[in-house]
Amino acid sequence: STIALEMAKNKLEKLSQDHSLSVSFKYGDARDLDFPDQTFDFVVSHDLIEHLTEKDFLPHLSEVERVLKIGGSYLFWTPSRLLSGTSHGLHLKEYTVQEMVKLIKQKKFKQSWIDARFFKLKLIFEIPQNFLPVVIGYEKIVELFIKFIPQPIKKLFAPPLFFCLTKSDR
């Protein structure tokens, strides 16, 4: 949105005191990115996916796949459905890790899941694609009792939806 772009520009101005960062912002549609094929090494989104309908998510992934170079990565974070109730009605679709993994498999990405819940302790784990069934099993167990946990503590248990997708040439 134009509001989010303005906020990002203001934040960048405050953070970039030496003004040597070369950053540009562009308004657009996540389902129809206005960039040539294989333009980027990295694409990043934070708090975007939950504002797309499930129907619009796959076209978005197709566009990211198109604009990424082979070997390029898409890093994204979206809130877990297990933590729902914090969006004030603004989220169109929230996912579980299992749902997200299933959707991503439809595209030419090698996927890994990132657990950064303990970032402040400098503990970040990247779980490769072949170990994602373990994360999904953990998520299914947490889903059984998460409704009994107070909201602030839920974040410690619910696996975040933080993924790194790497474009392969398959």
N, C-alpha and C. Protein backbone atom coordinates (compact mmCIF):
# COMPACT_ATOMS: atom_id res chain seq x y z
N SER A 1 0.84 -1.18 0.00
CA SER A 1 0.00 0.00 0.00
C SER A 1 0.88 1.24 0.00
N THR A 2 0.30 2.32 -0.40
CA THR A 2 1.04 3.58 -0.40
C THR A 2 1.37 4.01 1.03
N ILE A 3 0.51 3.66 1.97
CA ILE A 3 0.78 3.98 3.38
C ILE A 3 2.00 3.22 3.87
N ALA A 4 2.07 1.93 3.55
CA ALA A 4 3.22 1.11 3.97
C ALA A 4 4.51 1.62 3.32
N LEU A 5 4.44 2.05 2.06
CA LEU A 5 5.62 2.59 1.40
C LEU A 5 6.12 3.86 2.09
N GLU A 6 5.20 4.72 2.44
CA GLU A 6 5.59 5.96 3.13
C GLU A 6 6.23 5.66 4.49
N MET A 7 5.67 4.69 5.19
CA MET A 7 6.24 4.29 6.49
C MET A 7 7.65 3.73 6.29
N ALA A 8 7.84 2.92 5.26
CA ALA A 8 9.15 2.34 4.99
C ALA A 8 10.17 3.42 4.65
N LYS A 9 9.78 4.39 3.84
CA LYS A 9 10.69 5.49 3.49
C LYS A 9 11.09 6.27 4.73
N ASN A 10 10.13 6.57 5.58
CA ASN A 10 10.42 7.31 6.82
C ASN A 10 11.36 6.52 7.73
N LYS A 11 11.11 5.22 7.84
CA LYS A 11 11.95 4.39 8.69
C LYS A 11 13.37 4.32 8.13
N LEU A 12 13.50 4.20 6.82
CA LEU A 12 14.82 4.17 6.20
C LEU A 12 15.58 5.47 6.45
N GLU A 13 14.89 6.59 6.35
CA GLU A 13 15.54 7.88 6.61
C GLU A 13 16.08 7.94 8.03
N LYS A 14 15.33 7.45 8.98
CA LYS A 14 15.77 7.46 10.38
C LYS A 14 16.93 6.49 10.61
N LEU A 15 16.93 5.34 9.94
CA LEU A 15 17.96 4.33 10.15
C LEU A 15 19.25 4.63 9.39
N SER A 16 19.13 5.26 8.25
CA SER A 16 20.28 5.49 7.37
C SER A 16 20.82 6.90 7.58
N GLN A 17 21.64 7.05 8.58
CA GLN A 17 22.18 8.37 8.90
C GLN A 17 23.22 8.83 7.89
N ASP A 18 23.96 7.88 7.30
CA ASP A 18 24.99 8.28 6.34
C ASP A 18 24.45 8.39 4.91
N HIS A 19 23.22 8.02 4.69
CA HIS A 19 22.54 8.12 3.40
C HIS A 19 23.29 7.43 2.26
N SER A 20 24.08 6.42 2.60
CA SER A 20 24.84 5.71 1.55
C SER A 20 24.10 4.47 1.04
N LEU A 21 22.99 4.13 1.67
CA LEU A 21 22.22 2.99 1.20
C LEU A 21 21.51 3.34 -0.10
N SER A 22 21.58 2.43 -1.04
CA SER A 22 20.87 2.62 -2.30
C SER A 22 19.62 1.74 -2.27
N VAL A 23 18.53 2.31 -1.81
CA VAL A 23 17.28 1.57 -1.68
C VAL A 23 16.19 2.35 -2.41
N SER A 24 15.38 1.61 -3.14
CA SER A 24 14.24 2.25 -3.78
C SER A 24 12.99 1.45 -3.43
N PHE A 25 11.87 2.12 -3.43
CA PHE A 25 10.60 1.50 -3.13
C PHE A 25 9.71 1.64 -4.35
N LYS A 26 8.90 0.62 -4.59
CA LYS A 26 8.03 0.66 -5.75
C LYS A 26 6.66 0.09 -5.36
N TYR A 27 5.63 0.82 -5.70
CA TYR A 27 4.27 0.39 -5.47
C TYR A 27 3.88 -0.62 -6.56
N GLY A 28 3.22 -1.70 -6.17
CA GLY A 28 2.84 -2.67 -7.19
C GLY A 28 1.90 -3.73 -6.67
N ASP A 29 1.67 -4.71 -7.50
CA ASP A 29 0.76 -5.81 -7.21
C ASP A 29 1.60 -7.08 -7.03
N ALA A 30 1.49 -7.74 -5.91
CA ALA A 30 2.29 -8.93 -5.60
C ALA A 30 1.98 -10.09 -6.54
N ARG A 31 0.87 -10.01 -7.25
CA ARG A 31 0.49 -11.07 -8.20
C ARG A 31 0.97 -10.79 -9.61
N ASP A 32 1.51 -9.59 -9.82
CA ASP A 32 1.94 -9.18 -11.16
C ASP A 32 3.10 -8.19 -10.99
N LEU A 33 4.28 -8.72 -10.69
CA LEU A 33 5.43 -7.88 -10.39
C LEU A 33 5.96 -7.22 -11.67
N ASP A 34 6.20 -5.94 -11.58
CA ASP A 34 6.62 -5.15 -12.74
C ASP A 34 8.14 -5.14 -12.88
N PHE A 35 8.71 -6.34 -13.06
CA PHE A 35 10.16 -6.50 -13.24
C PHE A 35 10.39 -7.56 -14.30
N PRO A 36 11.50 -7.45 -15.02
CA PRO A 36 11.82 -8.49 -16.02
C PRO A 36 12.14 -9.84 -15.36
N ASP A 37 12.05 -10.89 -16.15
CA ASP A 37 12.40 -12.24 -15.69
C ASP A 37 13.83 -12.26 -15.16
N GLN A 38 14.05 -13.07 -14.14
CA GLN A 38 15.38 -13.32 -13.56
C GLN A 38 16.14 -12.03 -13.25
N THR A 39 15.50 -11.12 -12.54
CA THR A 39 16.10 -9.84 -12.18
C THR A 39 16.85 -9.89 -10.85
N PHE A 40 16.32 -10.64 -9.89
CA PHE A 40 16.81 -10.52 -8.52
C PHE A 40 17.50 -11.78 -8.00
N ASP A 41 18.48 -11.54 -7.14
CA ASP A 41 19.11 -12.63 -6.38
C ASP A 41 18.28 -12.94 -5.14
N PHE A 42 17.64 -11.91 -4.59
CA PHE A 42 16.84 -12.06 -3.37
C PHE A 42 15.54 -11.28 -3.49
N VAL A 43 14.49 -11.87 -2.96
CA VAL A 43 13.21 -11.20 -2.79
C VAL A 43 12.82 -11.44 -1.34
N VAL A 44 12.33 -10.39 -0.68
CA VAL A 44 11.98 -10.49 0.74
C VAL A 44 10.58 -9.92 0.94
N SER A 45 9.78 -10.62 1.73
CA SER A 45 8.50 -10.03 2.15
C SER A 45 8.27 -10.36 3.62
N HIS A 46 7.72 -9.40 4.29
CA HIS A 46 7.42 -9.53 5.72
C HIS A 46 6.00 -9.04 5.91
N ASP A 47 5.16 -9.88 6.46
CA ASP A 47 3.77 -9.51 6.70
C ASP A 47 3.04 -9.15 5.40
N LEU A 48 3.23 -9.97 4.37
CA LEU A 48 2.52 -9.76 3.11
C LEU A 48 1.53 -10.89 2.84
N ILE A 49 1.98 -12.12 2.98
CA ILE A 49 1.22 -13.30 2.55
C ILE A 49 -0.17 -13.33 3.18
N GLU A 50 -0.28 -12.94 4.44
CA GLU A 50 -1.57 -13.01 5.13
C GLU A 50 -2.58 -12.00 4.58
N HIS A 51 -2.12 -11.06 3.77
CA HIS A 51 -3.01 -10.07 3.16
C HIS A 51 -3.41 -10.44 1.74
N LEU A 52 -3.00 -11.63 1.31
CA LEU A 52 -3.41 -12.17 0.01
C LEU A 52 -4.42 -13.28 0.26
N THR A 53 -5.37 -13.42 -0.65
CA THR A 53 -6.26 -14.56 -0.54
C THR A 53 -5.47 -15.82 -0.91
N GLU A 54 -5.98 -16.96 -0.51
CA GLU A 54 -5.31 -18.21 -0.87
C GLU A 54 -5.22 -18.34 -2.40
N LYS A 55 -6.25 -17.88 -3.08
CA LYS A 55 -6.28 -17.91 -4.55
C LYS A 55 -5.17 -17.04 -5.14
N ASP A 56 -4.81 -15.95 -4.47
CA ASP A 56 -3.79 -15.03 -4.98
C ASP A 56 -2.37 -15.42 -4.56
N PHE A 57 -2.25 -16.31 -3.61
CA PHE A 57 -0.92 -16.68 -3.13
C PHE A 57 -0.09 -17.40 -4.19
N LEU A 58 -0.68 -18.36 -4.89
CA LEU A 58 0.08 -19.10 -5.91
C LEU A 58 0.52 -18.20 -7.08
N PRO A 59 -0.33 -17.29 -7.58
CA PRO A 59 0.17 -16.35 -8.60
C PRO A 59 1.32 -15.48 -8.07
N HIS A 60 1.25 -15.11 -6.79
CA HIS A 60 2.34 -14.35 -6.18
C HIS A 60 3.63 -15.18 -6.21
N LEU A 61 3.53 -16.45 -5.80
CA LEU A 61 4.72 -17.31 -5.82
C LEU A 61 5.25 -17.48 -7.25
N SER A 62 4.37 -17.59 -8.21
CA SER A 62 4.79 -17.70 -9.61
C SER A 62 5.56 -16.46 -10.05
N GLU A 63 5.09 -15.31 -9.63
CA GLU A 63 5.77 -14.06 -9.98
C GLU A 63 7.14 -13.96 -9.31
N VAL A 64 7.21 -14.35 -8.04
CA VAL A 64 8.50 -14.34 -7.36
C VAL A 64 9.45 -15.30 -8.06
N GLU A 65 8.97 -16.47 -8.40
CA GLU A 65 9.78 -17.45 -9.12
C GLU A 65 10.27 -16.87 -10.45
N ARG A 66 9.43 -16.16 -11.14
CA ARG A 66 9.78 -15.57 -12.43
C ARG A 66 10.88 -14.52 -12.30
N VAL A 67 10.78 -13.65 -11.30
CA VAL A 67 11.75 -12.54 -11.19
C VAL A 67 13.05 -12.95 -10.51
N LEU A 68 13.07 -14.13 -9.87
CA LEU A 68 14.31 -14.60 -9.23
C LEU A 68 15.23 -15.25 -10.26
N LYS A 69 16.52 -15.03 -10.08
CA LYS A 69 17.52 -15.74 -10.86
C LYS A 69 17.58 -17.18 -10.37
N ILE A 70 18.07 -18.10 -11.20
CA ILE A 70 18.28 -19.49 -10.75
C ILE A 70 19.23 -19.43 -9.55
N GLY A 71 18.87 -20.12 -8.48
CA GLY A 71 19.66 -20.09 -7.25
C GLY A 71 19.30 -18.94 -6.34
N GLY A 72 18.44 -18.04 -6.81
CA GLY A 72 18.00 -16.90 -6.00
C GLY A 72 17.04 -17.36 -4.91
N SER A 73 16.89 -16.55 -3.87
CA SER A 73 16.07 -16.93 -2.72
C SER A 73 14.98 -15.92 -2.41
N TYR A 74 13.87 -16.47 -1.96
CA TYR A 74 12.74 -15.67 -1.48
C TYR A 74 12.62 -15.94 0.01
N LEU A 75 12.81 -14.92 0.80
CA LEU A 75 12.70 -15.02 2.25
C LEU A 75 11.41 -14.33 2.65
N PHE A 76 10.51 -15.08 3.31
CA PHE A 76 9.26 -14.45 3.73
C PHE A 76 8.83 -14.93 5.11
N TRP A 77 8.12 -14.04 5.77
CA TRP A 77 7.55 -14.31 7.08
C TRP A 77 6.08 -13.93 7.03
N THR A 78 5.26 -14.79 7.61
CA THR A 78 3.83 -14.51 7.75
C THR A 78 3.38 -15.14 9.07
N PRO A 79 2.43 -14.53 9.76
CA PRO A 79 2.03 -15.08 11.07
C PRO A 79 1.35 -16.45 10.95
N SER A 80 1.54 -17.24 11.96
CA SER A 80 0.95 -18.57 12.03
C SER A 80 -0.54 -18.49 12.36
N ARG A 81 -1.31 -19.37 11.74
CA ARG A 81 -2.73 -19.47 12.07
C ARG A 81 -2.92 -19.84 13.54
N LEU A 82 -1.94 -20.53 14.12
CA LEU A 82 -2.04 -20.93 15.53
C LEU A 82 -2.03 -19.73 16.46
N LEU A 83 -1.57 -18.59 15.98
CA LEU A 83 -1.55 -17.36 16.79
C LEU A 83 -2.67 -16.41 16.40
N SER A 84 -3.67 -16.91 15.69
CA SER A 84 -4.72 -16.04 15.16
C SER A 84 -5.39 -15.24 16.27
N GLY A 85 -6.03 -14.19 15.83
CA GLY A 85 -6.71 -13.32 16.78
C GLY A 85 -5.96 -12.03 17.01
N THR A 86 -4.85 -11.83 16.30
CA THR A 86 -4.07 -10.61 16.50
C THR A 86 -4.15 -9.67 15.31
N SER A 87 -4.93 -10.02 14.29
CA SER A 87 -4.92 -9.24 13.05
C SER A 87 -5.95 -8.12 13.01
N HIS A 88 -6.84 -8.06 13.98
CA HIS A 88 -7.92 -7.07 13.98
C HIS A 88 -8.78 -7.17 12.71
N GLY A 89 -8.87 -8.39 12.15
CA GLY A 89 -9.69 -8.62 10.98
C GLY A 89 -9.05 -8.24 9.66
N LEU A 90 -7.77 -7.90 9.65
CA LEU A 90 -7.11 -7.45 8.43
C LEU A 90 -6.46 -8.58 7.62
N HIS A 91 -6.29 -9.74 8.24
CA HIS A 91 -5.65 -10.86 7.53
C HIS A 91 -6.70 -11.62 6.73
N LEU A 92 -6.41 -11.84 5.46
CA LEU A 92 -7.34 -12.57 4.60
C LEU A 92 -7.17 -14.08 4.74
N LYS A 93 -5.92 -14.53 4.99
CA LYS A 93 -5.66 -15.96 5.12
C LYS A 93 -4.39 -16.15 5.96
N GLU A 94 -4.52 -16.94 6.99
CA GLU A 94 -3.36 -17.33 7.80
C GLU A 94 -3.16 -18.83 7.62
N TYR A 95 -1.91 -19.28 7.68
CA TYR A 95 -1.57 -20.66 7.38
C TYR A 95 -0.89 -21.33 8.56
N THR A 96 -0.83 -22.64 8.48
CA THR A 96 0.04 -23.42 9.35
C THR A 96 1.28 -23.76 8.52
N VAL A 97 2.31 -24.26 9.17
CA VAL A 97 3.51 -24.69 8.44
C VAL A 97 3.11 -25.77 7.44
N GLN A 98 2.29 -26.71 7.87
CA GLN A 98 1.87 -27.81 6.99
C GLN A 98 1.17 -27.28 5.73
N GLU A 99 0.25 -26.35 5.89
CA GLU A 99 -0.46 -25.78 4.74
C GLU A 99 0.50 -25.05 3.80
N MET A 100 1.43 -24.31 4.38
CA MET A 100 2.37 -23.54 3.57
C MET A 100 3.30 -24.46 2.79
N VAL A 101 3.80 -25.50 3.44
CA VAL A 101 4.70 -26.45 2.78
C VAL A 101 3.99 -27.09 1.59
N LYS A 102 2.74 -27.45 1.77
CA LYS A 102 1.96 -28.08 0.70
C LYS A 102 1.81 -27.14 -0.50
N LEU A 103 1.53 -25.87 -0.25
CA LEU A 103 1.38 -24.91 -1.34
C LEU A 103 2.71 -24.66 -2.06
N ILE A 104 3.77 -24.51 -1.30
CA ILE A 104 5.08 -24.21 -1.88
C ILE A 104 5.55 -25.35 -2.78
N LYS A 105 5.21 -26.58 -2.43
CA LYS A 105 5.63 -27.74 -3.22
C LYS A 105 5.13 -27.67 -4.66
N GLN A 106 4.12 -26.85 -4.93
CA GLN A 106 3.58 -26.73 -6.28
C GLN A 106 4.49 -25.92 -7.21
N LYS A 107 5.51 -25.28 -6.64
CA LYS A 107 6.40 -24.43 -7.42
C LYS A 107 7.81 -25.00 -7.43
N LYS A 108 8.68 -24.43 -8.25
CA LYS A 108 10.06 -24.91 -8.39
C LYS A 108 10.98 -24.30 -7.35
N PHE A 109 10.68 -24.55 -6.09
CA PHE A 109 11.49 -24.01 -5.01
C PHE A 109 11.99 -25.14 -4.13
N LYS A 110 13.21 -25.02 -3.70
CA LYS A 110 13.71 -25.83 -2.59
C LYS A 110 13.39 -25.00 -1.36
N GLN A 111 12.71 -25.60 -0.40
CA GLN A 111 12.27 -24.81 0.74
C GLN A 111 12.96 -25.22 2.03
N SER A 112 13.18 -24.24 2.88
CA SER A 112 13.63 -24.52 4.23
C SER A 112 12.82 -23.62 5.16
N TRP A 113 12.71 -24.06 6.38
CA TRP A 113 11.94 -23.35 7.40
C TRP A 113 12.94 -22.77 8.39
N ILE A 114 12.69 -21.54 8.81
CA ILE A 114 13.61 -20.87 9.73
C ILE A 114 12.90 -20.62 11.05
N ASP A 115 13.56 -21.04 12.12
CA ASP A 115 13.02 -20.80 13.46
C ASP A 115 13.88 -19.72 14.11
N ALA A 116 13.31 -18.53 14.19
CA ALA A 116 14.02 -17.41 14.79
C ALA A 116 13.34 -16.94 16.07
N ARG A 117 12.60 -17.83 16.72
CA ARG A 117 11.90 -17.43 17.95
C ARG A 117 12.86 -17.01 19.05
N PHE A 118 14.06 -17.52 19.00
CA PHE A 118 15.03 -17.21 20.06
C PHE A 118 16.18 -16.36 19.51
N PHE A 119 15.82 -15.48 18.58
CA PHE A 119 16.78 -14.59 17.93
C PHE A 119 17.57 -13.77 18.94
N LYS A 120 16.90 -13.28 19.97
CA LYS A 120 17.58 -12.44 20.97
C LYS A 120 18.66 -13.21 21.72
N LEU A 121 18.55 -14.53 21.73
CA LEU A 121 19.59 -15.36 22.34
C LEU A 121 20.61 -15.81 21.30
N LYS A 122 20.48 -15.23 20.10
CA LYS A 122 21.36 -15.57 18.97
C LYS A 122 21.22 -17.04 18.55
N LEU A 123 20.00 -17.57 18.70
CA LEU A 123 19.70 -18.93 18.27
C LEU A 123 18.73 -18.88 17.10
N ILE A 124 19.23 -19.21 15.93
CA ILE A 124 18.41 -19.28 14.73
C ILE A 124 18.70 -20.62 14.08
N PHE A 125 17.63 -21.33 13.74
CA PHE A 125 17.78 -22.64 13.13
C PHE A 125 17.14 -22.64 11.76
N GLU A 126 17.86 -23.18 10.77
CA GLU A 126 17.28 -23.36 9.45
C GLU A 126 17.12 -24.85 9.22
N ILE A 127 15.88 -25.26 9.04
CA ILE A 127 15.54 -26.67 8.89
C ILE A 127 15.33 -26.96 7.40
N PRO A 128 16.15 -27.85 6.82
CA PRO A 128 16.01 -28.14 5.39
C PRO A 128 14.74 -28.91 5.06
N GLN A 129 14.40 -28.89 3.79
CA GLN A 129 13.15 -29.47 3.28
C GLN A 129 12.92 -30.90 3.75
N ASN A 130 13.94 -31.73 3.77
CA ASN A 130 13.73 -33.14 4.13
C ASN A 130 13.40 -33.34 5.61
N PHE A 131 13.59 -32.31 6.46
CA PHE A 131 13.24 -32.43 7.88
C PHE A 131 11.94 -31.69 8.22
N LEU A 132 11.27 -31.12 7.22
CA LEU A 132 10.03 -30.39 7.49
C LEU A 132 8.93 -31.27 8.09
N PRO A 133 8.86 -32.57 7.79
CA PRO A 133 7.85 -33.40 8.47
C PRO A 133 7.99 -33.38 10.00
N VAL A 134 9.19 -33.21 10.51
CA VAL A 134 9.40 -33.12 11.97
C VAL A 134 8.76 -31.84 12.50
N VAL A 135 8.97 -30.73 11.79
CA VAL A 135 8.37 -29.45 12.19
C VAL A 135 6.85 -29.55 12.13
N ILE A 136 6.33 -30.17 11.09
CA ILE A 136 4.87 -30.33 10.95
C ILE A 136 4.31 -31.20 12.07
N GLY A 137 5.03 -32.26 12.45
CA GLY A 137 4.60 -33.11 13.57
C GLY A 137 4.55 -32.32 14.87
N TYR A 138 5.59 -31.51 15.11
CA TYR A 138 5.62 -30.65 16.29
C TYR A 138 4.43 -29.68 16.27
N GLU A 139 4.17 -29.10 15.10
CA GLU A 139 3.07 -28.14 14.97
C GLU A 139 1.72 -28.80 15.29
N LYS A 140 1.53 -30.04 14.85
CA LYS A 140 0.27 -30.76 15.12
C LYS A 140 0.09 -30.99 16.62
N ILE A 141 1.16 -31.28 17.32
CA ILE A 141 1.09 -31.46 18.78
C ILE A 141 0.74 -30.15 19.45
N VAL A 142 1.42 -29.06 19.06
CA VAL A 142 1.16 -27.74 19.64
C VAL A 142 -0.28 -27.32 19.39
N GLU A 143 -0.80 -27.63 18.20
CA GLU A 143 -2.17 -27.24 17.85
C GLU A 143 -3.20 -27.82 18.81
N LEU A 144 -2.90 -28.97 19.41
CA LEU A 144 -3.82 -29.61 20.34
C LEU A 144 -4.01 -28.83 21.63
N PHE A 145 -2.95 -28.13 22.08
CA PHE A 145 -3.07 -27.47 23.38
C PHE A 145 -2.83 -25.96 23.34
N ILE A 146 -2.61 -25.37 22.19
CA ILE A 146 -2.28 -23.94 22.11
C ILE A 146 -3.41 -23.05 22.64
N LYS A 147 -4.66 -23.50 22.51
CA LYS A 147 -5.79 -22.67 22.96
C LYS A 147 -5.81 -22.49 24.48
N PHE A 148 -5.05 -23.32 25.21
CA PHE A 148 -5.01 -23.22 26.66
C PHE A 148 -3.85 -22.36 27.16
N ILE A 149 -3.03 -21.86 26.25
CA ILE A 149 -1.85 -21.09 26.61
C ILE A 149 -2.16 -19.60 26.50
N PRO A 150 -1.75 -18.80 27.48
CA PRO A 150 -1.97 -17.34 27.39
C PRO A 150 -1.29 -16.75 26.14
N GLN A 151 -1.93 -15.74 25.55
CA GLN A 151 -1.47 -15.15 24.28
C GLN A 151 0.02 -14.79 24.25
N PRO A 152 0.57 -14.10 25.25
CA PRO A 152 1.98 -13.72 25.13
C PRO A 152 2.94 -14.92 25.07
N ILE A 153 2.55 -16.03 25.67
CA ILE A 153 3.42 -17.21 25.73
C ILE A 153 3.27 -18.09 24.49
N LYS A 154 2.15 -17.95 23.79
CA LYS A 154 1.90 -18.77 22.60
C LYS A 154 3.03 -18.66 21.58
N LYS A 155 3.63 -17.48 21.47
CA LYS A 155 4.69 -17.26 20.48
C LYS A 155 5.89 -18.16 20.71
N LEU A 156 6.07 -18.62 21.94
CA LEU A 156 7.20 -19.52 22.22
C LEU A 156 6.94 -20.93 21.70
N PHE A 157 5.68 -21.29 21.58
CA PHE A 157 5.33 -22.65 21.19
C PHE A 157 4.96 -22.79 19.71
N ALA A 158 4.21 -21.84 19.19
CA ALA A 158 3.73 -21.94 17.80
C ALA A 158 4.90 -21.73 16.84
N PRO A 159 5.12 -22.68 15.94
CA PRO A 159 6.20 -22.50 14.97
C PRO A 159 5.89 -21.35 14.02
N PRO A 160 6.82 -20.42 13.86
CA PRO A 160 6.57 -19.29 12.96
C PRO A 160 6.58 -19.74 11.51
N LEU A 161 5.96 -18.96 10.67
CA LEU A 161 5.98 -19.24 9.24
C LEU A 161 7.02 -18.33 8.60
N PHE A 162 8.25 -18.78 8.70
CA PHE A 162 9.41 -18.03 8.21
C PHE A 162 10.13 -19.00 7.28
N PHE A 163 10.09 -18.72 6.00
CA PHE A 163 10.60 -19.65 5.00
C PHE A 163 11.66 -19.01 4.12
N CYS A 164 12.57 -19.83 3.67
CA CYS A 164 13.53 -19.45 2.63
C CYS A 164 13.29 -20.39 1.46
N LEU A 165 12.88 -19.83 0.35
CA LEU A 165 12.63 -20.61 -0.86
C LEU A 165 13.73 -20.29 -1.86
N THR A 166 14.37 -21.31 -2.36
CA THR A 166 15.44 -21.12 -3.33
C THR A 166 14.99 -21.65 -4.68
N LYS A 167 15.12 -20.83 -5.71
CA LYS A 167 14.68 -21.20 -7.04
C LYS A 167 15.67 -22.22 -7.62
N SER A 168 15.12 -23.35 -8.01
CA SER A 168 15.96 -24.39 -8.62
C SER A 168 15.72 -24.40 -10.12
N ASP A 169 16.54 -25.15 -10.83
CA ASP A 169 16.39 -25.22 -12.28
C ASP A 169 15.67 -26.48 -12.73
N ARG A 170 14.99 -27.16 -11.80
CA ARG A 170 14.31 -28.42 -12.15
C ARG A 170 13.12 -28.21 -13.04
